[in-house]
Amino acid sequence: MIITIPKIKKLKLVLIKNIRHLWKQDSLLDHICASLKCLEVGQCHNLINLGLDLSFFKTLTTLDVWNCNGMSELITSFKVQSLVCLVTMRIRECEVMREVVASDGDEASYEIVFRVLKRLELHCLQNLTSFCSGNYTLWCPSLEQVTLSQCPRMKNFYQGELITPKLHKVQSTETDFWGRWAGDLNATVEQLYKEQVGYRGLKHLKFSKFPELIDIWSKNPQEMLDFTTLEFLEICDSNNLRYIFYLSTAFSLGQLRQMEIKRCGNLEQVIKEECPITMVEEAITDSSKIIGIFPRLQSIIVESCPDMTSFYRGSKCLEFPFLVKIKVTGCSNMTTFVSTFSRDEDKEVIIGDEVDDVTTFFSDKVRLISLNESSFIHLIFLLCCYGCSRIFHIIYIPQLYE
């Protein structure tokens, strides 16, 4: 009986936790994958790179790699030359990837040609600095579509000679039909980097991974980058920030769900009320006189910020409609989490210890949901306050103390 081993056309590998190499050279898979057209690899976090046997690279037309957080590069410059039939390449959400094609140290003797590559997508590669390194000539004679998004550290596409005669734009999404173009691919990528376009569309942001952002933010929070899609924000180990948002700036973070602030030694407030506050006034309805910010925020964690006196202190009443968790620890100077004071527009506002002798976690004008005052913390299921020695009351409503 003769057993025929099938030759597969498409191979998809997902959530294989311990894989470091796809397979050994000269294994049975060499024959099975001899006619492979499409390779998809996702969520294989121990995979170092696609150190594959060159035999089946020659037939591959589609390569899709996503969420492989152990990859610092995809492939070496020597092996990439076997991708003679590759039409589409997609690389997405690989946290530590610094370059797609890594130099193997012998670039002087050859050039790299992606002869039929038409589409290239690079998305959410936060540490990517360039597509490839080395000084060889990179030819992409058929390349027509480049989609580049959320690659904030990508300063250039390639430092050597780059030839892409059919490419006339770089898109941020497939529906970005106009795209951007500065004369060539390298110049366009450099322009996008200078304009900090790579930060747009981020959903998760840890400032500890982007120290350059802290410098921008600390100088002028009003010039905050486009973070309208941000869902998770973490700011840790920064001594340059005295506050994080202006109140008017906070309105742009409508998708934010979780905020963590830790070990910021000089931070005094998270939200600062600027003056004038025309934008803030416009956001308040005449009937409620309440500002609704962070409409989807569910969790606030503040740890080890010794200079913080309050999360917000201003003249407007805030509303957090979906907040369910607050954790504050190691904030020895905090007197009030959120408090309000009356503002006389003809006088200078003074905010200090003399304004309010009552130190309380919530003041009477804080709203966590849009209900009556007696149930304004109805949604909170976890409230942790530890190491805040200046707090005298958790909830202070003046009527109860009159």
Protein backbone atom coordinates (compact mmCIF):
# COMPACT_ATOMS: atom_id res chain seq x y z
CA MET A 1 0.00 0.00 0.00
CA ILE A 2 1.40 3.34 -1.07
CA ILE A 3 0.69 6.29 1.22
CA THR A 4 0.68 9.68 -0.48
CA ILE A 5 1.69 12.57 1.70
CA PRO A 6 -0.37 15.66 0.80
CA LYS A 7 1.26 18.93 -0.08
CA ILE A 8 -0.48 21.72 1.76
CA LYS A 9 -1.08 25.16 0.27
CA LYS A 10 -1.87 27.09 3.45
CA LEU A 11 -0.34 26.72 6.91
CA LYS A 12 -1.68 28.61 9.94
CA LEU A 13 0.08 28.39 13.31
CA VAL A 14 -1.59 30.14 16.25
CA LEU A 15 -1.05 30.00 20.03
CA ILE A 16 1.82 27.52 19.97
CA LYS A 17 3.48 28.71 23.16
CA ASN A 18 6.75 26.77 23.21
CA ILE A 19 7.74 26.86 19.57
CA ARG A 20 11.11 28.55 18.89
CA HIS A 21 11.65 27.30 15.34
CA LEU A 22 8.96 26.27 12.88
CA TRP A 23 10.67 22.97 12.10
CA LYS A 24 14.03 21.36 11.68
CA GLN A 25 15.81 21.31 8.37
CA ASP A 26 15.42 18.10 6.30
CA SER A 27 12.31 17.11 8.24
CA LEU A 28 9.22 15.51 6.72
CA LEU A 29 7.60 18.96 6.63
CA ASP A 30 10.02 19.99 3.88
CA HIS A 31 8.11 17.74 1.49
CA ILE A 32 4.66 18.56 2.89
CA CYS A 33 5.28 22.31 2.50
CA ALA A 34 7.02 22.15 -0.83
CA SER A 35 4.08 23.92 -2.52
CA LEU A 36 3.11 26.22 0.35
CA LYS A 37 1.44 29.45 -0.81
CA CYS A 38 0.25 31.08 2.42
CA LEU A 39 1.90 31.10 5.84
CA GLU A 40 0.19 32.68 8.86
CA VAL A 41 1.86 32.76 12.27
CA GLY A 42 0.24 34.38 15.30
CA GLN A 43 0.62 34.53 19.07
CA CYS A 44 3.71 32.31 19.11
CA HIS A 45 5.57 34.37 21.70
CA ASN A 46 8.70 32.20 21.95
CA LEU A 47 9.31 32.18 18.21
CA ILE A 48 12.57 34.06 17.58
CA ASN A 49 12.30 34.50 13.81
CA LEU A 50 11.26 32.62 10.70
CA GLY A 51 14.52 30.68 10.53
CA LEU A 52 13.02 28.41 7.92
CA ASP A 53 14.43 26.01 5.38
CA LEU A 54 14.80 27.88 2.09
CA SER A 55 13.22 25.10 0.03
CA PHE A 56 9.59 26.17 0.41
CA PHE A 57 10.19 29.94 0.54
CA LYS A 58 10.28 29.92 -3.23
CA THR A 59 6.55 29.19 -3.55
CA LEU A 60 5.24 31.45 -0.78
CA THR A 61 2.93 34.26 -1.97
CA THR A 62 1.43 35.48 1.34
CA LEU A 63 3.22 35.92 4.66
CA ASP A 64 1.19 37.10 7.67
CA VAL A 65 2.77 37.37 11.13
CA TRP A 66 1.03 38.92 14.12
CA ASN A 67 1.41 39.16 17.89
CA CYS A 68 4.66 37.23 18.12
CA ASN A 69 6.30 39.08 20.99
CA GLY A 70 9.60 37.20 20.98
CA MET A 71 10.62 38.32 17.49
CA SER A 72 13.19 41.09 17.21
CA GLU A 73 13.42 40.49 13.45
CA LEU A 74 11.42 38.44 10.98
CA ILE A 75 14.11 37.01 8.71
CA THR A 76 17.74 37.55 7.68
CA SER A 77 18.83 39.34 4.53
CA PHE A 78 20.24 36.12 3.08
CA LYS A 79 17.12 34.00 3.51
CA VAL A 80 14.76 36.74 2.36
CA GLN A 81 16.17 36.41 -1.17
CA SER A 82 14.29 33.12 -1.54
CA LEU A 83 10.91 34.91 -1.33
CA VAL A 84 10.77 35.20 -5.09
CA CYS A 85 6.97 34.71 -5.32
CA LEU A 86 5.93 36.80 -2.32
CA VAL A 87 3.06 39.17 -3.19
CA THR A 88 1.73 40.19 0.24
CA MET A 89 3.56 40.69 3.53
CA ARG A 90 1.75 41.67 6.74
CA ILE A 91 3.52 42.17 10.09
CA ARG A 92 1.39 43.29 13.04
CA GLU A 93 1.54 43.72 16.81
CA CYS A 94 4.99 42.26 17.43
CA GLU A 95 6.13 44.24 20.46
CA VAL A 96 9.92 43.79 20.33
CA MET A 97 10.48 43.71 16.56
CA ARG A 98 13.11 46.28 15.60
CA GLU A 99 13.46 45.44 11.92
CA VAL A 100 11.77 43.10 9.49
CA VAL A 101 14.86 42.04 7.54
CA ALA A 102 18.02 41.78 9.64
CA SER A 103 21.47 42.07 8.10
CA ASP A 104 23.58 38.92 8.28
CA GLY A 105 26.82 40.91 7.95
CA ASP A 106 27.63 40.16 4.29
CA GLU A 107 25.47 42.68 2.48
CA ALA A 108 28.23 43.97 0.19
CA SER A 109 28.07 40.99 -2.14
CA TYR A 110 24.39 41.02 -3.15
CA GLU A 111 21.18 42.97 -3.53
CA ILE A 112 17.72 42.13 -2.21
CA VAL A 113 14.93 41.92 -4.76
CA PHE A 114 11.24 41.51 -3.92
CA ARG A 115 10.35 41.06 -7.56
CA VAL A 116 6.57 40.52 -7.25
CA LEU A 117 5.84 42.04 -3.82
CA LYS A 118 2.81 44.32 -4.27
CA ARG A 119 1.45 44.87 -0.76
CA LEU A 120 3.28 45.55 2.49
CA GLU A 121 1.51 46.20 5.80
CA LEU A 122 3.30 47.18 9.01
CA HIS A 123 0.95 47.78 11.91
CA CYS A 124 1.37 48.37 15.65
CA LEU A 125 5.11 47.66 15.81
CA GLN A 126 6.08 49.97 18.64
CA ASN A 127 9.83 49.26 18.54
CA LEU A 128 10.30 49.02 14.78
CA THR A 129 13.00 51.47 13.65
CA SER A 130 13.31 50.44 9.98
CA PHE A 131 12.23 47.79 7.52
CA CYS A 132 15.76 46.47 7.11
CA SER A 133 19.37 47.33 7.90
CA GLY A 134 22.54 47.09 5.83
CA ASN A 135 23.90 48.85 2.74
CA TYR A 136 22.79 46.57 -0.09
CA THR A 137 20.41 47.68 -2.81
CA LEU A 138 16.75 46.98 -2.05
CA TRP A 139 14.57 46.53 -5.14
CA CYS A 140 10.76 46.39 -5.01
CA PRO A 141 9.79 46.85 -8.68
CA SER A 142 6.15 45.76 -8.19
CA LEU A 143 5.40 47.41 -4.84
CA GLU A 144 2.18 49.44 -5.14
CA GLN A 145 0.67 49.56 -1.64
CA VAL A 146 2.40 50.30 1.67
CA THR A 147 0.24 50.58 4.79
CA LEU A 148 2.08 51.95 7.80
CA SER A 149 0.38 52.64 11.14
CA GLN A 150 1.27 52.79 14.84
CA CYS A 151 5.01 52.44 14.28
CA PRO A 152 6.11 55.51 16.27
CA ARG A 153 9.85 54.73 16.29
CA MET A 154 10.22 54.06 12.57
CA LYS A 155 12.56 56.86 11.47
CA ASN A 156 13.19 55.59 7.93
CA PHE A 157 12.32 52.67 5.73
CA TYR A 158 15.85 51.76 4.68
CA GLN A 159 19.17 53.62 4.81
CA GLY A 160 20.67 52.08 1.67
CA GLU A 161 19.63 52.39 -1.97
CA LEU A 162 15.89 51.87 -2.31
CA ILE A 163 14.02 51.45 -5.61
CA THR A 164 10.19 51.42 -5.66
CA PRO A 165 9.14 52.77 -9.09
CA LYS A 166 5.40 51.95 -8.78
CA LEU A 167 4.86 53.30 -5.27
CA HIS A 168 3.32 56.77 -5.01
CA LYS A 169 1.79 56.92 -1.53
CA VAL A 170 1.98 55.51 2.00
CA GLN A 171 -1.38 54.75 3.60
CA SER A 172 -2.31 54.66 7.27
CA THR A 173 -5.20 52.24 6.56
CA GLU A 174 -6.43 50.38 3.51
CA THR A 175 -9.24 52.95 3.21
CA ASP A 176 -6.81 55.88 3.35
CA PHE A 177 -7.02 56.32 -0.40
CA TRP A 178 -5.04 59.57 -0.62
CA GLY A 179 -2.24 58.55 1.71
CA ARG A 180 0.96 60.57 2.15
CA TRP A 181 3.88 61.09 -0.20
CA ALA A 182 7.05 63.17 0.06
CA GLY A 183 8.73 62.13 -3.18
CA ASP A 184 10.00 58.68 -2.18
CA LEU A 185 9.36 56.03 0.44
CA ASN A 186 12.22 56.99 2.74
CA ALA A 187 11.34 60.69 2.74
CA THR A 188 7.69 59.88 3.44
CA VAL A 189 8.50 57.65 6.42
CA GLU A 190 10.86 60.32 7.79
CA GLN A 191 8.12 62.93 7.46
CA LEU A 192 5.61 60.74 9.27
CA TYR A 193 8.12 60.19 12.06
CA LYS A 194 8.74 63.92 12.50
CA GLU A 195 5.00 64.57 12.64
CA GLN A 196 4.61 61.76 15.21
CA VAL A 197 1.90 60.15 13.11
CA GLY A 198 2.93 56.73 14.43
CA TYR A 199 1.28 57.42 17.78
CA ARG A 200 -2.15 57.85 16.24
CA GLY A 201 -4.58 55.03 16.73
CA LEU A 202 -2.80 53.48 19.72
CA LYS A 203 -5.08 51.64 22.15
CA HIS A 204 -2.48 50.74 24.78
CA LEU A 205 0.25 53.15 25.82
CA LYS A 206 2.92 52.65 28.47
CA PHE A 207 4.94 55.83 28.81
CA SER A 208 7.87 53.95 30.32
CA LYS A 209 8.47 52.50 26.85
CA PHE A 210 8.41 55.95 25.23
CA PRO A 211 10.54 58.32 27.37
CA GLU A 212 10.61 60.80 24.48
CA LEU A 213 6.86 61.32 24.95
CA ILE A 214 7.29 62.29 28.58
CA ASP A 215 9.53 65.17 27.49
CA ILE A 216 6.94 66.40 24.98
CA TRP A 217 4.08 66.00 27.42
CA SER A 218 5.85 67.69 30.35
CA LYS A 219 6.62 70.81 28.29
CA ASN A 220 3.08 71.37 27.05
CA PRO A 221 0.21 68.96 27.74
CA GLN A 222 -2.01 71.07 25.47
CA GLU A 223 0.01 69.77 22.53
CA MET A 224 -0.82 66.20 23.49
CA LEU A 225 -0.73 63.84 20.55
CA ASP A 226 -3.79 62.30 18.97
CA PHE A 227 -4.81 59.65 21.49
CA THR A 228 -8.53 59.58 20.76
CA THR A 229 -8.49 55.77 20.47
CA LEU A 230 -6.52 55.17 23.68
CA GLU A 231 -8.06 52.58 26.02
CA PHE A 232 -5.21 51.89 28.48
CA LEU A 233 -2.77 54.50 29.78
CA GLU A 234 0.15 53.78 32.11
CA ILE A 235 2.56 56.45 33.35
CA CYS A 236 5.36 55.19 35.59
CA ASP A 237 8.69 56.34 36.98
CA SER A 238 8.60 59.91 35.72
CA ASN A 239 9.82 62.86 37.78
CA ASN A 240 9.24 65.46 35.06
CA LEU A 241 5.46 65.72 35.26
CA ARG A 242 3.59 67.99 37.67
CA TYR A 243 0.25 67.16 36.06
CA ILE A 244 -0.85 64.96 33.16
CA PHE A 245 -3.88 66.53 31.48
CA TYR A 246 -5.48 69.89 31.17
CA LEU A 247 -9.19 69.53 31.80
CA SER A 248 -10.01 70.52 28.21
CA THR A 249 -7.48 67.99 26.88
CA ALA A 250 -9.12 65.18 28.85
CA PHE A 251 -12.22 65.46 26.68
CA SER A 252 -10.37 63.86 23.76
CA LEU A 253 -9.82 60.61 25.68
CA GLY A 254 -13.33 59.32 25.20
CA GLN A 255 -12.27 55.68 24.81
CA LEU A 256 -10.04 55.47 27.89
CA ARG A 257 -10.99 52.55 30.15
CA GLN A 258 -8.04 52.10 32.48
CA MET A 259 -5.52 54.55 33.92
CA GLU A 260 -2.47 53.63 36.02
CA ILE A 261 -0.08 56.21 37.49
CA LYS A 262 2.84 54.94 39.55
CA ARG A 263 6.03 56.31 41.09
CA CYS A 264 5.84 59.85 39.69
CA GLY A 265 7.73 61.77 42.33
CA ASN A 266 6.78 65.36 41.39
CA LEU A 267 3.24 64.79 40.19
CA GLU A 268 0.77 67.09 41.98
CA GLN A 269 -2.47 66.51 40.05
CA VAL A 270 -3.62 64.27 37.24
CA ILE A 271 -6.09 66.78 35.78
CA LYS A 272 -5.36 70.52 35.93
CA GLU A 273 -7.96 73.16 35.23
CA GLU A 274 -6.46 75.73 32.89
CA CYS A 275 -7.59 79.29 32.44
CA PRO A 276 -9.40 80.38 30.35
CA ILE A 277 -11.63 77.30 30.14
CA THR A 278 -13.91 78.23 27.23
CA MET A 279 -13.91 74.69 25.85
CA VAL A 280 -14.85 73.35 29.25
CA GLU A 281 -17.70 75.81 29.62
CA GLU A 282 -19.06 74.75 26.23
CA ALA A 283 -19.07 71.11 27.32
CA ILE A 284 -21.36 71.77 30.28
CA THR A 285 -25.08 71.59 29.70
CA ASP A 286 -27.16 74.39 31.17
CA SER A 287 -29.35 71.94 33.05
CA SER A 288 -26.68 69.96 34.88
CA LYS A 289 -23.59 72.15 35.15
CA ILE A 290 -21.65 68.86 35.29
CA ILE A 291 -18.69 67.89 33.16
CA GLY A 292 -18.69 64.34 31.87
CA ILE A 293 -15.10 63.29 31.11
CA PHE A 294 -13.64 59.85 30.48
CA PRO A 295 -17.12 58.45 29.66
CA ARG A 296 -15.80 54.86 29.51
CA LEU A 297 -13.24 54.98 32.32
CA GLN A 298 -13.67 52.01 34.66
CA SER A 299 -10.45 51.87 36.70
CA ILE A 300 -8.05 54.39 38.26
CA ILE A 301 -4.88 53.23 40.03
CA VAL A 302 -2.50 55.72 41.64
CA GLU A 303 0.55 54.44 43.53
CA SER A 304 3.57 56.03 45.20
CA CYS A 305 3.08 59.64 44.11
CA PRO A 306 4.14 61.45 47.31
CA ASP A 307 3.59 65.01 46.02
CA MET A 308 0.10 64.41 44.66
CA THR A 309 -2.50 66.44 46.54
CA SER A 310 -5.52 65.50 44.41
CA PHE A 311 -6.58 63.75 41.23
CA TYR A 312 -8.47 66.90 40.19
CA ARG A 313 -9.03 70.20 41.97
CA GLY A 314 -11.02 72.87 40.15
CA SER A 315 -14.23 74.82 39.82
CA LYS A 316 -16.19 72.29 37.79
CA CYS A 317 -18.15 69.28 38.95
CA LEU A 318 -16.90 66.08 37.30
CA GLU A 319 -18.86 63.00 36.36
CA PHE A 320 -17.36 59.51 35.89
CA PRO A 321 -20.36 57.50 34.67
CA PHE A 322 -18.76 54.03 34.55
CA LEU A 323 -16.00 54.16 37.14
CA VAL A 324 -16.02 50.97 39.24
CA LYS A 325 -12.52 50.78 40.73
CA ILE A 326 -10.35 53.34 42.51
CA LYS A 327 -7.05 52.41 44.15
CA VAL A 328 -4.82 55.02 45.78
CA THR A 329 -1.75 53.95 47.78
CA GLY A 330 1.38 55.69 49.01
CA CYS A 331 0.19 59.25 48.31
CA SER A 332 1.09 60.85 51.62
CA ASN A 333 0.19 64.42 50.61
CA MET A 334 -3.17 63.67 49.05
CA THR A 335 -5.94 65.55 50.82
CA THR A 336 -8.80 65.10 48.33
CA PHE A 337 -9.23 62.76 45.38
CA VAL A 338 -11.54 65.16 43.53
CA SER A 339 -12.69 68.50 44.95
CA THR A 340 -14.30 71.67 43.69
CA PHE A 341 -14.12 75.31 44.69
CA SER A 342 -16.05 78.35 43.51
CA ARG A 343 -14.39 80.43 40.82
CA ASP A 344 -14.80 84.18 40.60
CA GLU A 345 -13.88 85.07 37.05
CA ASP A 346 -12.73 88.55 38.14
CA LYS A 347 -10.28 87.25 40.70
CA GLU A 348 -7.18 85.15 40.69
CA VAL A 349 -7.76 81.56 41.73
CA ILE A 350 -5.59 80.37 44.60
CA ILE A 351 -5.34 76.66 45.17
CA GLY A 352 -3.55 75.58 48.31
CA ASP A 353 -3.92 74.14 51.76
CA GLU A 354 -5.76 77.25 52.94
CA VAL A 355 -8.65 76.74 50.52
CA ASP A 356 -10.20 73.80 52.32
CA ASP A 357 -9.50 72.80 55.88
CA VAL A 358 -11.48 69.57 55.50
CA THR A 359 -9.41 66.81 53.97
CA THR A 360 -11.63 64.24 52.37
CA PHE A 361 -11.36 61.64 49.63
CA PHE A 362 -14.53 62.77 47.82
CA SER A 363 -15.92 66.26 48.09
CA ASP A 364 -19.64 67.03 47.91
CA LYS A 365 -19.48 67.99 44.21
CA VAL A 366 -17.95 64.82 42.86
CA ARG A 367 -20.20 62.58 40.81
CA LEU A 368 -19.27 59.10 39.73
CA ILE A 369 -22.62 58.43 38.06
CA SER A 370 -25.41 60.69 36.94
CA LEU A 371 -27.83 59.95 39.78
CA ASN A 372 -28.91 61.76 42.92
CA GLU A 373 -26.27 62.73 45.46
CA SER A 374 -27.12 59.88 47.82
CA SER A 375 -26.09 57.26 45.29
CA PHE A 376 -23.22 58.89 43.43
CA ILE A 377 -20.84 56.00 44.16
CA HIS A 378 -23.34 53.33 43.29
CA LEU A 379 -21.12 51.61 40.69
CA ILE A 380 -17.95 51.45 42.78
CA PHE A 381 -17.16 47.88 43.83
CA LEU A 382 -13.54 48.45 44.92
CA LEU A 383 -12.24 51.50 46.75
CA CYS A 384 -8.74 51.20 48.21
CA CYS A 385 -7.01 54.04 50.03
CA TYR A 386 -3.72 53.14 51.73
CA GLY A 387 -0.86 55.24 53.01
CA CYS A 388 -2.68 58.57 52.51
CA SER A 389 -2.14 60.03 55.97
CA ARG A 390 -3.77 63.41 55.33
CA ILE A 391 -7.20 62.01 54.43
CA PHE A 392 -9.69 62.53 57.29
CA HIS A 393 -12.94 61.59 55.54
CA ILE A 394 -13.65 59.15 52.72
CA ILE A 395 -16.86 60.92 51.71
CA TYR A 396 -17.63 64.45 52.87
CA ILE A 397 -21.07 65.98 52.29
CA PRO A 398 -21.37 69.26 54.21
CA GLN A 399 -25.11 68.79 54.93
CA LEU A 400 -24.28 65.80 57.11
CA TYR A 401 -21.94 67.84 59.27
CA GLU A 402 -24.09 70.95 59.72
